[in-house]
Amino acid sequence: DVQLQASGGGLVQPGGSLRLSCAASGFRFEDYAIGWFRQAPGKEREAVSCISNRGDNTFHERFVEGRFTISRDNAKSTVYLQMNSLKPEDMAVYYCTTNLVDWGQGTLVTVSS
């Protein structure tokens, strides 16, 4: 079974940083692109960033570009999302996925003073 476990969320003040991790299992990790999505209360899930299977291509949505960086370590079957200069509007549950079907539990990011 495909399993993706996001972790690393927490409470941070505006302007602060967090690094999320997505640990994957149940498939050949190095063959698949991975994406980070988020869902804020009362809103639909939205894409944030994605990375190609080898990590040589990345994409960030405009609203996080320059603040968030996605990376991966295929030896550890893990994808990371470094989030800097966090804003209150970044507050959401963050999920990782490889197929838009399997999402895992997600990790909550709270940005508040």
Protein backbone atom coordinates (compact mmCIF):
# COMPACT_ATOMS: atom_id res chain seq x y z
CA ASP A 1 0.00 0.00 0.00
CA VAL A 2 1.09 3.52 -0.74
CA GLN A 3 1.74 5.37 2.51
CA LEU A 4 2.74 8.98 2.94
CA GLN A 5 3.25 10.48 6.38
CA ALA A 6 3.69 14.20 6.71
CA SER A 7 5.30 15.61 9.84
CA GLY A 8 7.04 18.71 11.16
CA GLY A 9 4.09 21.03 11.57
CA GLY A 10 3.51 23.16 14.61
CA LEU A 11 2.92 26.66 15.93
CA VAL A 12 5.15 29.40 14.59
CA GLN A 13 5.04 33.18 14.70
CA PRO A 14 4.61 35.21 11.52
CA GLY A 15 7.98 35.47 9.81
CA GLY A 16 9.15 32.19 11.28
CA SER A 17 10.23 28.96 9.63
CA LEU A 18 9.31 25.30 9.65
CA ARG A 19 10.53 22.27 7.75
CA LEU A 20 7.99 19.64 6.85
CA SER A 21 8.90 16.06 6.02
CA CYS A 22 7.00 13.50 3.99
CA ALA A 23 8.07 9.91 4.57
CA ALA A 24 6.91 7.53 1.85
CA SER A 25 6.63 3.76 1.53
CA GLY A 26 4.85 1.13 -0.51
CA PHE A 27 6.07 2.21 -3.94
CA ARG A 28 9.30 2.89 -5.82
CA PHE A 29 9.83 6.37 -4.43
CA GLU A 30 12.58 7.31 -6.84
CA ASP A 31 10.27 6.78 -9.83
CA TYR A 32 7.60 9.30 -8.83
CA ALA A 33 7.15 13.02 -8.53
CA ILE A 34 5.79 14.20 -5.19
CA GLY A 35 3.60 17.18 -4.45
CA TRP A 36 2.77 19.17 -1.33
CA PHE A 37 -0.79 20.42 -0.94
CA ARG A 38 -2.53 22.29 1.83
CA GLN A 39 -6.04 22.81 3.09
CA ALA A 40 -7.05 25.71 5.28
CA PRO A 41 -10.26 25.61 7.36
CA GLY A 42 -13.27 26.18 5.16
CA LYS A 43 -11.23 26.15 1.97
CA GLU A 44 -10.50 23.62 -0.73
CA ARG A 45 -7.23 21.76 -0.89
CA GLU A 46 -4.69 23.57 -3.03
CA ALA A 47 -1.35 22.70 -4.55
CA VAL A 48 1.74 24.26 -3.01
CA SER A 49 4.89 22.74 -4.52
CA CYS A 50 6.02 19.68 -6.43
CA ILE A 51 9.28 17.99 -7.28
CA SER A 52 10.27 15.58 -10.04
CA ASN A 53 11.34 12.03 -9.29
CA ARG A 54 15.05 12.85 -9.45
CA GLY A 55 14.67 16.21 -7.79
CA ASP A 56 16.01 18.15 -10.75
CA ASN A 57 12.77 19.99 -11.44
CA THR A 58 10.66 21.83 -8.91
CA PHE A 59 7.61 24.05 -9.05
CA HIS A 60 6.17 26.38 -6.45
CA GLU A 61 2.86 28.15 -6.61
CA ARG A 62 3.15 31.89 -6.89
CA PHE A 63 1.89 32.52 -3.37
CA VAL A 64 4.84 30.60 -1.82
CA GLU A 65 7.54 31.21 -4.44
CA GLY A 66 10.67 32.65 -2.86
CA ARG A 67 9.58 31.56 0.62
CA PHE A 68 9.15 27.78 0.34
CA THR A 69 11.65 25.25 -1.03
CA ILE A 70 10.86 21.66 -1.87
CA SER A 71 13.58 19.00 -1.90
CA ARG A 72 13.91 15.23 -1.66
CA ASP A 73 16.25 12.52 -0.49
CA ASN A 74 15.56 9.38 -2.51
CA ALA A 75 17.85 7.32 -0.29
CA LYS A 76 15.52 8.10 2.61
CA SER A 77 12.26 8.07 0.59
CA THR A 78 11.52 11.48 2.02
CA VAL A 79 10.46 14.82 0.59
CA TYR A 80 10.93 18.07 2.47
CA LEU A 81 9.26 21.45 2.39
CA GLN A 82 11.30 24.25 3.89
CA MET A 83 8.95 27.09 4.73
CA ASN A 84 10.39 30.51 5.54
CA SER A 85 8.79 33.90 6.13
CA LEU A 86 5.56 32.22 7.13
CA LYS A 87 2.37 34.26 6.99
CA PRO A 88 -0.95 33.76 8.78
CA GLU A 89 -2.48 32.78 5.43
CA ASP A 90 -0.08 29.82 5.26
CA MET A 91 -1.90 28.23 8.17
CA ALA A 92 -3.35 24.91 6.99
CA VAL A 93 -3.02 21.16 7.14
CA TYR A 94 -0.24 20.19 4.75
CA TYR A 95 -0.33 16.91 2.84
CA CYS A 96 1.99 15.14 0.45
CA THR A 97 0.93 12.91 -2.40
CA THR A 98 2.25 11.14 -5.45
CA ASN A 99 -1.04 10.26 -7.14
CA LEU A 100 -3.73 12.67 -5.86
CA VAL A 101 -5.43 9.64 -4.32
CA ASP A 102 -3.30 8.67 -1.31
CA TRP A 103 -2.85 11.61 1.05
CA GLY A 104 -1.94 10.38 4.52
CA GLN A 105 -2.89 12.26 7.67
CA GLY A 106 -1.23 15.58 6.99
CA THR A 107 0.49 17.90 9.43
CA LEU A 108 -0.98 21.10 10.88
CA VAL A 109 0.86 24.37 10.47
CA THR A 110 -0.35 27.22 12.65
CA VAL A 111 1.00 30.72 12.08
CA SER A 112 0.03 33.06 14.83
CA SER A 113 1.53 35.56 17.24
